[in-house]
Amino acid sequence: MSGAPANAGTRRLADVTFWTLMAGAALATVLAFKAESGLAEPLRITAAVLLAVALVIMFRKPELGPLALVALAPLTDYGALTGEPLVITAFSAVLIASVGAYAWGLRRAEAKAAARSPLEPLELALLGPLLAALWSLPFSLNLPKTALQSGRLLLLWLFAVLVARLVATENALRRLLALFVGVGCALSVMAAVQYTAPDSGFGNVNIVQAGGGAIAMVRPAVFYKDPNFLAGYLGAAALVALAFALRASTLRAASLWGLAAAATVGGLALTFSRSGWVGLVCGLLVVTFTAPAPRRAAFAIGLALVLAAGVLAAPQRVLDRVTSLSDLESDASITTRYLMLGATVEIIRDHWAFGTGLGAYDVAYPKYRRAGALERITRPHQLPLAMWAEMGLAGLAAEIALLGGLAVAFARRRRTGMTAADMALAAALTALLVETLFQYYLYFEVLWLFVALAAAAPRRTAQDGPGTVSGVTSRPRPPTPAAAAARAGMTEP
């Protein structure tokens, strides 16, 4: 009997600590919005209160953290809460709170059991980029920036760990992917608004001007700085929606997923992103070859007809944009990327061991810039080479480990039976990885999200419902003890 009051007292102390921390977080949020945001004061206060409420809910239900982070991922380049040099965004603030909520939940025995489940190979490989960044730090050409960017990688690694640990069941994965596609549809609507009214002042828009100041191209970016990153998001969302549409058991579900795919592909087209288009095509190949056998031929024929109709109906500027992929003479952007490729190889030759330092590529690049390359572009574009150039041999090793971890994760998942969600992950990851050949996606939250989801795939259970393998229903797999503990232990009784 003597233990009951002590336990009650400990619980009360924990609750007081909890609410004190939450009150402090709410006050800090209000002050941050008031000091740094350009919003009107009522909107600042409203946003701060909503964020504080979200943080309270998250501490009570930590599994909501990944959902909140997926919803906030497009805001990482827009609406920062603090200014340079240490930029804190809504995404990073909620990420820190989510990690705190997860750590707070670990005081329960069930949650501790889930946290002690063995790490998958890909989960270990996710630590590689951070370790490589620290490897490059002592010899960095820009030490403060390398240290700052290493901290950014630390946050992304925490994001990946949180997702891999809390998205532990098929139902949780499907909910998260449905939210991801829903956000993609909203971004597509915003992109259409920006395309039709580029001077509205809403979000970020890339306006390409022709001679005489005329507008040659409007490229919506919504909340991203670069339209190519918006394209990466929308391409992944479209592929996820298509993968689910092909495996839907009802016409209503197939129609909803199909409409979502059409909306996100439309938004992707408006970005005029060549890397996004190439990634989408590669992802479509995965969707086609992994489609259920009874629907594969029909989907392939329908896809070919849609692509043919798109080519015939597309405006000339779209066709010119596609054909410019091989134009190394008149397209300055393509020419610069090609020339930068050679320059990056030379940087690797001179900095092969420790690299230039993470984020210090632009310090070394002017010395290697080739004639004909645009002088305003000094940051790397080809991520596979850039990781070696910036972080030396450790960066190269991190890349190899990540690719190997992905191969192991999907191979192990295939042995136990891949579900519709797994097929969606495979298609989206294919597109994003292909796009890294043209874009510097090292800090792209969407890429980290999908790699983290793949990392947890071998451990994820399907006890919430049957999985589907190429359209054939498979028996539900029994939950692992770790997944069962994660499911039962991370919510308040």
Protein backbone atom coordinates (compact mmCIF):
# COMPACT_ATOMS: atom_id res chain seq x y z
CA MET A 1 0.00 0.00 0.00
CA SER A 2 2.89 2.38 0.70
CA GLY A 3 3.91 2.37 -2.96
CA ALA A 4 0.64 3.90 -4.19
CA PRO A 5 1.14 7.42 -2.78
CA ALA A 6 4.72 7.45 -4.00
CA ASN A 7 3.62 6.48 -7.51
CA ALA A 8 0.86 9.09 -7.43
CA GLY A 9 3.34 11.73 -6.29
CA THR A 10 5.74 10.82 -9.08
CA ARG A 11 2.91 11.03 -11.57
CA ARG A 12 1.86 14.46 -10.28
CA LEU A 13 5.46 15.68 -10.48
CA ALA A 14 5.70 14.39 -14.05
CA ASP A 15 2.46 16.16 -14.96
CA VAL A 16 3.61 19.44 -13.43
CA THR A 17 6.90 19.16 -15.32
CA PHE A 18 5.02 18.38 -18.52
CA TRP A 19 2.70 21.38 -18.33
CA THR A 20 5.54 23.68 -17.29
CA LEU A 21 7.53 22.64 -20.34
CA MET A 22 4.50 23.09 -22.58
CA ALA A 23 3.78 26.55 -21.20
CA GLY A 24 7.40 27.51 -21.82
CA ALA A 25 7.22 26.17 -25.37
CA ALA A 26 4.03 28.13 -26.03
CA LEU A 27 5.56 31.35 -24.67
CA ALA A 28 8.74 30.86 -26.72
CA THR A 29 6.63 30.25 -29.82
CA VAL A 30 4.64 33.45 -29.28
CA LEU A 31 7.84 35.46 -28.80
CA ALA A 32 9.41 33.90 -31.90
CA PHE A 33 6.41 34.72 -34.05
CA LYS A 34 6.18 38.23 -32.62
CA ALA A 35 9.87 38.94 -33.19
CA GLU A 36 10.52 37.38 -36.58
CA SER A 37 7.32 36.74 -38.50
CA GLY A 38 5.95 39.18 -41.05
CA LEU A 39 2.38 38.15 -40.23
CA ALA A 40 -0.11 40.55 -38.70
CA GLU A 41 -0.21 40.29 -34.91
CA PRO A 42 -3.61 38.48 -34.68
CA LEU A 43 -2.38 35.88 -37.16
CA ARG A 44 0.89 35.50 -35.25
CA ILE A 45 -0.91 34.90 -31.99
CA THR A 46 -3.40 32.50 -33.59
CA ALA A 47 -0.60 30.53 -35.26
CA ALA A 48 1.35 30.39 -32.01
CA VAL A 49 -1.66 29.15 -30.04
CA LEU A 50 -2.44 26.49 -32.65
CA LEU A 51 1.17 25.33 -32.62
CA ALA A 52 1.18 25.19 -28.81
CA VAL A 53 -2.03 23.13 -28.81
CA ALA A 54 -0.51 20.80 -31.40
CA LEU A 55 2.55 20.33 -29.19
CA VAL A 56 0.39 19.44 -26.19
CA ILE A 57 -1.52 16.86 -28.22
CA MET A 58 1.73 15.46 -29.56
CA PHE A 59 3.11 14.88 -26.08
CA ARG A 60 -0.03 12.94 -25.21
CA LYS A 61 0.00 10.99 -28.49
CA PRO A 62 3.58 10.84 -29.83
CA GLU A 63 2.53 8.80 -32.88
CA LEU A 64 0.97 11.99 -34.27
CA GLY A 65 4.46 13.51 -34.57
CA PRO A 66 5.31 12.02 -38.00
CA LEU A 67 1.91 13.13 -39.34
CA ALA A 68 2.49 16.69 -38.17
CA LEU A 69 5.96 16.69 -39.70
CA VAL A 70 4.67 15.44 -43.06
CA ALA A 71 2.11 18.26 -43.08
CA LEU A 72 4.81 20.84 -42.26
CA ALA A 73 7.55 19.49 -44.56
CA PRO A 74 6.76 21.89 -47.45
CA LEU A 75 7.21 24.87 -45.10
CA THR A 76 10.90 24.33 -44.40
CA ASP A 77 11.96 27.07 -46.84
CA TYR A 78 9.15 29.49 -46.02
CA GLY A 79 8.02 31.35 -42.93
CA ALA A 80 11.07 30.84 -40.72
CA LEU A 81 10.57 31.59 -37.03
CA THR A 82 14.11 32.96 -36.64
CA GLY A 83 16.61 34.58 -38.98
CA GLU A 84 20.17 33.84 -40.04
CA PRO A 85 22.49 32.27 -39.14
CA LEU A 86 20.46 29.79 -37.05
CA VAL A 87 17.17 29.41 -38.92
CA ILE A 88 14.40 27.70 -36.98
CA THR A 89 11.31 26.75 -38.96
CA ALA A 90 7.95 25.38 -37.89
CA PHE A 91 9.16 21.98 -39.12
CA SER A 92 12.29 22.00 -36.96
CA ALA A 93 10.37 23.29 -33.93
CA VAL A 94 7.75 20.54 -34.19
CA LEU A 95 10.50 17.99 -34.89
CA ILE A 96 12.26 18.86 -31.63
CA ALA A 97 8.94 18.68 -29.80
CA SER A 98 8.16 15.32 -31.43
CA VAL A 99 11.51 13.89 -30.37
CA GLY A 100 10.86 15.20 -26.88
CA ALA A 101 7.41 13.59 -26.88
CA TYR A 102 8.88 10.29 -28.02
CA ALA A 103 11.55 10.46 -25.30
CA TRP A 104 8.88 11.38 -22.75
CA GLY A 105 6.86 8.34 -23.81
CA LEU A 106 9.86 6.07 -23.25
CA ARG A 107 9.29 6.29 -19.51
CA ARG A 108 6.65 3.60 -20.02
CA ALA A 109 7.91 0.03 -19.99
CA GLU A 110 6.08 -0.94 -23.17
CA ALA A 111 7.62 1.92 -25.10
CA LYS A 112 11.07 1.05 -23.78
CA ALA A 113 10.63 -2.47 -25.13
CA ALA A 114 9.75 -1.08 -28.56
CA ALA A 115 12.75 1.26 -28.53
CA ARG A 116 15.07 -1.65 -27.75
CA SER A 117 14.05 -3.55 -30.90
CA PRO A 118 17.09 -4.24 -33.12
CA LEU A 119 18.07 -1.58 -35.62
CA GLU A 120 17.62 -2.49 -39.26
CA PRO A 121 20.68 -2.11 -41.55
CA LEU A 122 19.14 0.90 -43.30
CA GLU A 123 18.45 2.58 -39.95
CA LEU A 124 22.15 2.31 -39.17
CA ALA A 125 23.05 3.58 -42.66
CA LEU A 126 20.89 6.68 -42.10
CA LEU A 127 23.52 7.83 -39.61
CA GLY A 128 26.16 7.76 -42.39
CA PRO A 129 25.68 11.28 -43.81
CA LEU A 130 25.95 12.84 -40.34
CA LEU A 131 29.12 10.89 -39.53
CA ALA A 132 30.54 11.85 -42.93
CA ALA A 133 29.79 15.52 -42.24
CA LEU A 134 31.70 15.31 -38.95
CA TRP A 135 34.55 13.54 -40.80
CA SER A 136 34.82 16.55 -43.15
CA LEU A 137 34.63 19.15 -40.37
CA PRO A 138 38.33 19.44 -39.34
CA PHE A 139 39.48 20.14 -42.92
CA SER A 140 36.50 22.20 -44.07
CA LEU A 141 37.06 25.27 -46.25
CA ASN A 142 34.20 26.92 -44.34
CA LEU A 143 34.25 25.53 -40.81
CA PRO A 144 31.25 27.47 -39.36
CA LYS A 145 29.01 26.50 -42.27
CA THR A 146 30.03 22.85 -42.09
CA ALA A 147 29.22 22.80 -38.38
CA LEU A 148 25.84 24.44 -39.02
CA GLN A 149 24.97 22.06 -41.85
CA SER A 150 26.03 19.11 -39.69
CA GLY A 151 23.44 20.25 -37.16
CA ARG A 152 20.89 20.31 -39.96
CA LEU A 153 21.74 16.71 -40.82
CA LEU A 154 21.37 15.80 -37.15
CA LEU A 155 17.78 17.10 -37.21
CA LEU A 156 17.03 15.14 -40.38
CA TRP A 157 18.47 11.99 -38.84
CA LEU A 158 16.24 12.48 -35.79
CA PHE A 159 13.31 12.92 -38.17
CA ALA A 160 14.16 9.66 -39.91
CA VAL A 161 14.54 7.77 -36.63
CA LEU A 162 11.23 9.12 -35.36
CA VAL A 163 9.42 8.03 -38.52
CA ALA A 164 11.06 4.61 -38.61
CA ARG A 165 10.16 3.94 -34.98
CA LEU A 166 6.63 5.32 -34.80
CA VAL A 167 5.22 4.27 -38.18
CA ALA A 168 5.23 0.66 -37.07
CA THR A 169 2.14 -0.83 -38.73
CA GLU A 170 0.60 -1.00 -42.19
CA ASN A 171 -2.35 1.14 -41.12
CA ALA A 172 -0.02 3.81 -39.72
CA LEU A 173 1.95 3.77 -42.97
CA ARG A 174 -1.18 4.07 -45.10
CA ARG A 175 -2.45 6.98 -43.03
CA LEU A 176 0.83 8.80 -43.37
CA LEU A 177 1.01 8.21 -47.14
CA ALA A 178 -2.62 9.32 -47.54
CA LEU A 179 -1.77 12.55 -45.72
CA PHE A 180 1.33 12.98 -47.90
CA VAL A 181 -0.79 12.67 -51.06
CA GLY A 182 -3.43 15.01 -49.62
CA VAL A 183 -0.81 17.67 -48.93
CA GLY A 184 0.45 17.12 -52.49
CA CYS A 185 -3.03 17.83 -53.86
CA ALA A 186 -3.17 21.05 -51.83
CA LEU A 187 0.26 22.06 -53.15
CA SER A 188 -0.95 21.42 -56.72
CA VAL A 189 -3.90 23.76 -56.21
CA MET A 190 -1.54 26.43 -54.85
CA ALA A 191 0.80 25.89 -57.80
CA ALA A 192 -2.11 26.48 -60.18
CA VAL A 193 -2.94 29.72 -58.36
CA GLN A 194 0.67 30.86 -58.63
CA TYR A 195 0.83 29.92 -62.31
CA THR A 196 -2.29 31.91 -63.19
CA ALA A 197 -1.46 34.87 -60.91
CA PRO A 198 2.35 34.99 -60.51
CA ASP A 199 2.24 38.56 -59.14
CA SER A 200 -0.14 37.71 -56.31
CA GLY A 201 2.68 37.77 -53.77
CA PHE A 202 1.74 34.32 -52.49
CA GLY A 203 4.64 31.97 -51.80
CA ASN A 204 7.66 31.66 -54.07
CA VAL A 205 7.44 31.86 -57.86
CA ASN A 206 10.31 31.53 -60.34
CA ILE A 207 9.63 33.83 -63.30
CA VAL A 208 11.88 33.31 -66.33
CA GLN A 209 12.07 36.37 -68.51
CA ALA A 210 12.80 36.53 -72.22
CA GLY A 211 14.36 39.40 -74.13
CA GLY A 212 12.70 42.76 -73.57
CA GLY A 213 11.43 41.80 -70.12
CA ALA A 214 8.61 39.60 -71.38
CA ILE A 215 7.68 36.57 -69.26
CA ALA A 216 8.89 33.39 -70.96
CA MET A 217 7.97 30.91 -68.24
CA VAL A 218 6.26 30.89 -64.84
CA ARG A 219 7.49 28.14 -62.52
CA PRO A 220 5.51 27.82 -59.28
CA ALA A 221 7.45 26.72 -56.21
CA VAL A 222 4.64 27.30 -53.65
CA PHE A 223 6.56 27.28 -50.33
CA TYR A 224 9.85 25.91 -51.66
CA LYS A 225 12.69 28.12 -52.88
CA ASP A 226 13.28 25.88 -55.90
CA PRO A 227 10.47 24.63 -58.21
CA ASN A 228 12.43 21.39 -58.66
CA PHE A 229 11.86 20.50 -55.01
CA LEU A 230 8.12 21.07 -55.38
CA ALA A 231 8.28 18.82 -58.43
CA GLY A 232 10.06 16.15 -56.38
CA TYR A 233 7.30 16.23 -53.77
CA LEU A 234 4.47 16.14 -56.33
CA GLY A 235 6.10 13.35 -58.36
CA ALA A 236 6.42 11.16 -55.26
CA ALA A 237 2.81 11.92 -54.28
CA ALA A 238 1.55 11.03 -57.77
CA LEU A 239 3.37 7.70 -57.76
CA VAL A 240 2.05 6.80 -54.30
CA ALA A 241 -1.50 7.61 -55.43
CA LEU A 242 -1.13 5.53 -58.60
CA ALA A 243 0.26 2.54 -56.71
CA PHE A 244 -2.74 2.58 -54.37
CA ALA A 245 -5.21 3.17 -57.23
CA LEU A 246 -3.97 0.05 -59.04
CA ARG A 247 -4.50 -2.08 -55.92
CA ALA A 248 -7.77 -0.55 -54.72
CA SER A 249 -10.51 -3.08 -53.97
CA THR A 250 -13.41 -0.73 -54.78
CA LEU A 251 -14.15 1.60 -57.68
CA ARG A 252 -14.63 4.51 -55.27
CA ALA A 253 -11.18 4.08 -53.74
CA ALA A 254 -9.56 3.65 -57.15
CA SER A 255 -11.28 6.82 -58.38
CA LEU A 256 -10.17 8.88 -55.39
CA TRP A 257 -6.56 7.75 -55.70
CA GLY A 258 -6.70 8.28 -59.46
CA LEU A 259 -7.98 11.84 -59.06
CA ALA A 260 -5.21 12.54 -56.55
CA ALA A 261 -2.64 11.21 -59.01
CA ALA A 262 -4.03 13.39 -61.80
CA ALA A 263 -4.00 16.49 -59.58
CA THR A 264 -0.41 16.01 -58.47
CA VAL A 265 0.81 15.21 -61.99
CA GLY A 266 -0.88 18.42 -63.14
CA GLY A 267 0.91 20.39 -60.44
CA LEU A 268 4.19 18.74 -61.41
CA ALA A 269 3.70 19.75 -65.05
CA LEU A 270 3.29 23.40 -64.02
CA THR A 271 6.73 23.45 -62.37
CA PHE A 272 8.45 22.85 -65.74
CA SER A 273 10.96 20.74 -63.82
CA ARG A 274 12.92 18.50 -66.13
CA SER A 275 14.37 16.50 -63.26
CA GLY A 276 10.87 16.04 -61.87
CA TRP A 277 9.59 14.77 -65.21
CA VAL A 278 12.49 12.32 -65.59
CA GLY A 279 11.97 11.04 -62.05
CA LEU A 280 8.25 10.60 -62.66
CA VAL A 281 8.85 8.55 -65.81
CA CYS A 282 11.28 6.25 -63.96
CA GLY A 283 8.82 5.86 -61.10
CA LEU A 284 6.04 5.05 -63.57
CA LEU A 285 8.13 2.17 -64.88
CA VAL A 286 8.27 0.73 -61.35
CA VAL A 287 4.52 1.23 -60.91
CA THR A 288 3.88 -0.54 -64.21
CA PHE A 289 6.11 -3.55 -63.60
CA THR A 290 4.86 -4.02 -60.03
CA ALA A 291 1.18 -3.54 -60.89
CA PRO A 292 -1.18 -6.47 -60.21
CA ALA A 293 -0.96 -8.89 -63.14
CA PRO A 294 -4.66 -8.60 -64.14
CA ARG A 295 -4.34 -4.81 -64.39
CA ARG A 296 -0.78 -4.41 -65.67
CA ALA A 297 -1.47 -4.57 -69.41
CA ALA A 298 -4.47 -2.23 -69.20
CA PHE A 299 -2.50 0.26 -67.14
CA ALA A 300 0.47 0.17 -69.53
CA ILE A 301 -1.78 0.78 -72.54
CA GLY A 302 -3.68 3.55 -70.78
CA LEU A 303 -0.43 5.18 -69.67
CA ALA A 304 0.93 5.09 -73.23
CA LEU A 305 -2.26 6.69 -74.55
CA VAL A 306 -2.18 9.42 -71.90
CA LEU A 307 1.48 10.20 -72.67
CA ALA A 308 0.75 10.32 -76.40
CA ALA A 309 -2.21 12.62 -75.86
CA GLY A 310 -0.09 14.80 -73.59
CA VAL A 311 2.59 15.18 -76.24
CA LEU A 312 0.00 16.13 -78.88
CA ALA A 313 -1.85 18.57 -76.63
CA ALA A 314 1.09 20.07 -74.73
CA PRO A 315 2.00 23.70 -75.38
CA GLN A 316 5.14 24.31 -77.41
CA ARG A 317 7.00 25.65 -74.36
CA VAL A 318 6.52 22.29 -72.62
CA LEU A 319 7.83 20.38 -75.63
CA ASP A 320 10.79 22.77 -75.88
CA ARG A 321 11.50 22.19 -72.21
CA VAL A 322 11.55 18.42 -72.75
CA THR A 323 13.78 18.55 -75.83
CA SER A 324 16.20 20.88 -74.02
CA LEU A 325 17.30 17.93 -71.86
CA SER A 326 19.91 17.10 -74.50
CA ASP A 327 20.68 20.69 -75.53
CA LEU A 328 24.24 21.36 -74.37
CA GLU A 329 24.74 24.42 -76.53
CA SER A 330 21.85 26.87 -76.21
CA ASP A 331 20.40 25.90 -72.80
CA ALA A 332 22.62 27.60 -70.21
CA SER A 333 21.24 25.59 -67.29
CA ILE A 334 21.89 22.20 -68.93
CA THR A 335 25.32 23.38 -70.09
CA THR A 336 26.23 24.52 -66.58
CA ARG A 337 25.17 21.21 -65.04
CA TYR A 338 27.27 19.31 -67.57
CA LEU A 339 30.31 21.54 -67.00
CA MET A 340 29.81 21.39 -63.23
CA LEU A 341 29.93 17.61 -63.46
CA GLY A 342 33.49 17.78 -64.80
CA ALA A 343 34.45 20.41 -62.23
CA THR A 344 33.12 18.22 -59.41
CA VAL A 345 35.25 15.32 -60.60
CA GLU A 346 38.32 17.59 -60.41
CA ILE A 347 37.35 18.72 -56.89
CA ILE A 348 37.12 15.07 -55.85
CA ARG A 349 40.55 14.46 -57.33
CA ASP A 350 42.05 17.20 -55.12
CA HIS A 351 39.89 16.63 -52.01
CA TRP A 352 39.23 12.89 -52.24
CA ALA A 353 39.94 12.01 -48.61
CA PHE A 354 38.14 14.60 -46.47
CA GLY A 355 36.28 16.67 -49.06
CA THR A 356 35.79 20.42 -49.09
CA GLY A 357 33.64 20.22 -45.98
CA LEU A 358 29.86 19.87 -45.95
CA GLY A 359 28.35 23.04 -47.41
CA ALA A 360 31.74 24.37 -48.53
CA TYR A 361 31.53 23.24 -52.16
CA ASP A 362 30.84 26.82 -53.27
CA VAL A 363 34.15 27.94 -51.71
CA ALA A 364 36.18 25.50 -53.78
CA TYR A 365 34.12 25.61 -56.99
CA PRO A 366 35.18 28.99 -58.50
CA LYS A 367 38.72 27.69 -58.91
CA TYR A 368 37.40 24.76 -60.99
CA ARG A 369 34.60 26.53 -62.87
CA ARG A 370 34.81 25.91 -66.60
CA ALA A 371 34.27 28.42 -69.35
CA GLY A 372 30.63 28.62 -70.37
CA ALA A 373 29.18 27.79 -66.94
CA LEU A 374 26.83 30.33 -65.35
CA GLU A 375 28.72 32.26 -62.67
CA ARG A 376 25.65 32.65 -60.44
CA ILE A 377 25.43 28.86 -59.93
CA THR A 378 28.04 27.77 -57.39
CA ARG A 379 26.23 25.05 -55.46
CA PRO A 380 26.38 21.39 -56.52
CA HIS A 381 23.53 19.70 -58.33
CA GLN A 382 24.52 16.04 -58.65
CA LEU A 383 24.12 14.67 -55.12
CA PRO A 384 26.02 11.35 -55.61
CA LEU A 385 29.18 13.19 -56.68
CA ALA A 386 28.60 16.12 -54.33
CA MET A 387 28.62 13.90 -51.24
CA TRP A 388 32.07 12.62 -52.16
CA ALA A 389 33.30 16.11 -53.09
CA GLU A 390 32.06 17.67 -49.84
CA MET A 391 32.63 14.85 -47.36
CA GLY A 392 35.40 12.80 -48.92
CA LEU A 393 35.64 9.04 -48.58
CA ALA A 394 33.19 9.06 -45.68
CA GLY A 395 30.58 10.64 -47.93
CA LEU A 396 31.14 7.97 -50.58
CA ALA A 397 30.91 5.23 -47.94
CA ALA A 398 27.65 6.74 -46.64
CA GLU A 399 26.13 6.60 -50.13
CA ILE A 400 27.14 2.98 -50.63
CA ALA A 401 25.76 2.04 -47.21
CA LEU A 402 22.42 3.74 -47.92
CA LEU A 403 22.00 2.03 -51.29
CA GLY A 404 22.96 -1.31 -49.76
CA GLY A 405 20.57 -0.77 -46.88
CA LEU A 406 17.71 0.00 -49.30
CA ALA A 407 18.44 -3.18 -51.25
CA VAL A 408 18.47 -5.27 -48.07
CA ALA A 409 15.26 -3.67 -46.74
CA PHE A 410 13.24 -4.36 -49.87
CA ALA A 411 14.73 -7.84 -50.32
CA ARG A 412 13.72 -8.81 -46.79
CA ARG A 413 10.30 -7.23 -47.20
CA ARG A 414 9.73 -9.11 -50.44
CA ARG A 415 10.36 -12.44 -48.71
CA THR A 416 7.57 -11.73 -46.21
CA GLY A 417 5.20 -10.21 -48.79
CA MET A 418 5.13 -6.66 -50.13
CA THR A 419 1.94 -4.65 -49.69
CA ALA A 420 0.48 -1.84 -51.77
CA ALA A 421 2.21 0.65 -49.47
CA ASP A 422 5.56 -1.06 -50.06
CA MET A 423 5.06 -0.82 -53.83
CA ALA A 424 4.25 2.86 -53.43
CA LEU A 425 7.45 3.39 -51.43
CA ALA A 426 9.51 1.61 -54.10
CA ALA A 427 8.10 3.75 -56.92
CA ALA A 428 8.48 7.06 -55.05
CA LEU A 429 12.01 6.21 -53.90
CA THR A 430 13.02 5.32 -57.45
CA ALA A 431 11.86 8.71 -58.68
CA LEU A 432 13.58 10.62 -55.86
CA LEU A 433 16.86 8.73 -56.24
CA VAL A 434 16.91 9.35 -59.99
CA GLU A 435 16.32 13.05 -59.34
CA THR A 436 19.39 13.17 -57.08
CA LEU A 437 21.41 12.81 -60.28
CA PHE A 438 20.25 16.33 -61.14
CA GLN A 439 19.40 17.93 -57.77
CA TYR A 440 21.10 18.38 -54.40
CA TYR A 441 18.54 16.55 -52.25
CA LEU A 442 20.73 16.04 -49.19
CA TYR A 443 18.45 18.20 -47.02
CA PHE A 444 15.19 17.31 -48.80
CA GLU A 445 12.80 16.11 -46.10
CA VAL A 446 10.75 14.06 -48.59
CA LEU A 447 13.76 11.91 -49.50
CA TRP A 448 14.59 11.34 -45.83
CA LEU A 449 10.93 10.49 -45.16
CA PHE A 450 10.76 7.75 -47.77
CA VAL A 451 14.15 6.28 -46.87
CA ALA A 452 13.04 6.14 -43.22
CA LEU A 453 9.78 4.41 -44.18
CA ALA A 454 11.77 1.87 -46.20
CA ALA A 455 14.16 1.37 -43.27
CA ALA A 456 11.30 0.21 -41.04
CA ALA A 457 9.71 -1.98 -43.74
CA PRO A 458 11.22 -5.33 -42.59
CA ARG A 459 10.01 -4.67 -39.05
CA ARG A 460 6.59 -3.32 -39.98
CA THR A 461 3.64 -5.63 -39.37
CA ALA A 462 0.36 -6.07 -41.17
CA GLN A 463 -1.80 -7.04 -38.23
CA ASP A 464 -4.22 -4.23 -39.09
CA GLY A 465 -5.32 -5.94 -42.30
CA PRO A 466 -4.20 -8.22 -45.10
CA GLY A 467 -1.44 -7.16 -47.41
CA THR A 468 -1.52 -7.46 -51.17
CA VAL A 469 1.25 -8.84 -53.31
CA SER A 470 0.76 -8.09 -56.99
CA GLY A 471 -2.96 -7.93 -56.41
CA VAL A 472 -3.19 -11.22 -54.54
CA THR A 473 -4.36 -11.04 -50.94
CA SER A 474 -1.88 -12.60 -48.50
CA ARG A 475 -2.38 -13.78 -44.98
CA PRO A 476 -1.77 -11.15 -42.31
CA ARG A 477 1.55 -11.55 -40.60
CA PRO A 478 1.51 -11.75 -36.79
CA PRO A 479 2.82 -8.64 -35.07
CA THR A 480 6.36 -8.66 -33.81
CA PRO A 481 6.78 -7.97 -30.07
CA ALA A 482 8.49 -4.64 -30.83
CA ALA A 483 5.72 -3.43 -33.14
CA ALA A 484 3.03 -4.57 -30.72
CA ALA A 485 4.75 -2.69 -27.90
CA ALA A 486 5.13 0.41 -30.08
CA ARG A 487 1.47 0.28 -30.94
CA ALA A 488 0.26 -0.27 -27.38
CA GLY A 489 2.81 1.65 -25.42
CA MET A 490 3.08 5.03 -27.16
CA THR A 491 -0.44 6.16 -26.28
CA GLU A 492 -1.81 7.22 -22.94
CA PRO A 493 -4.21 4.77 -21.27
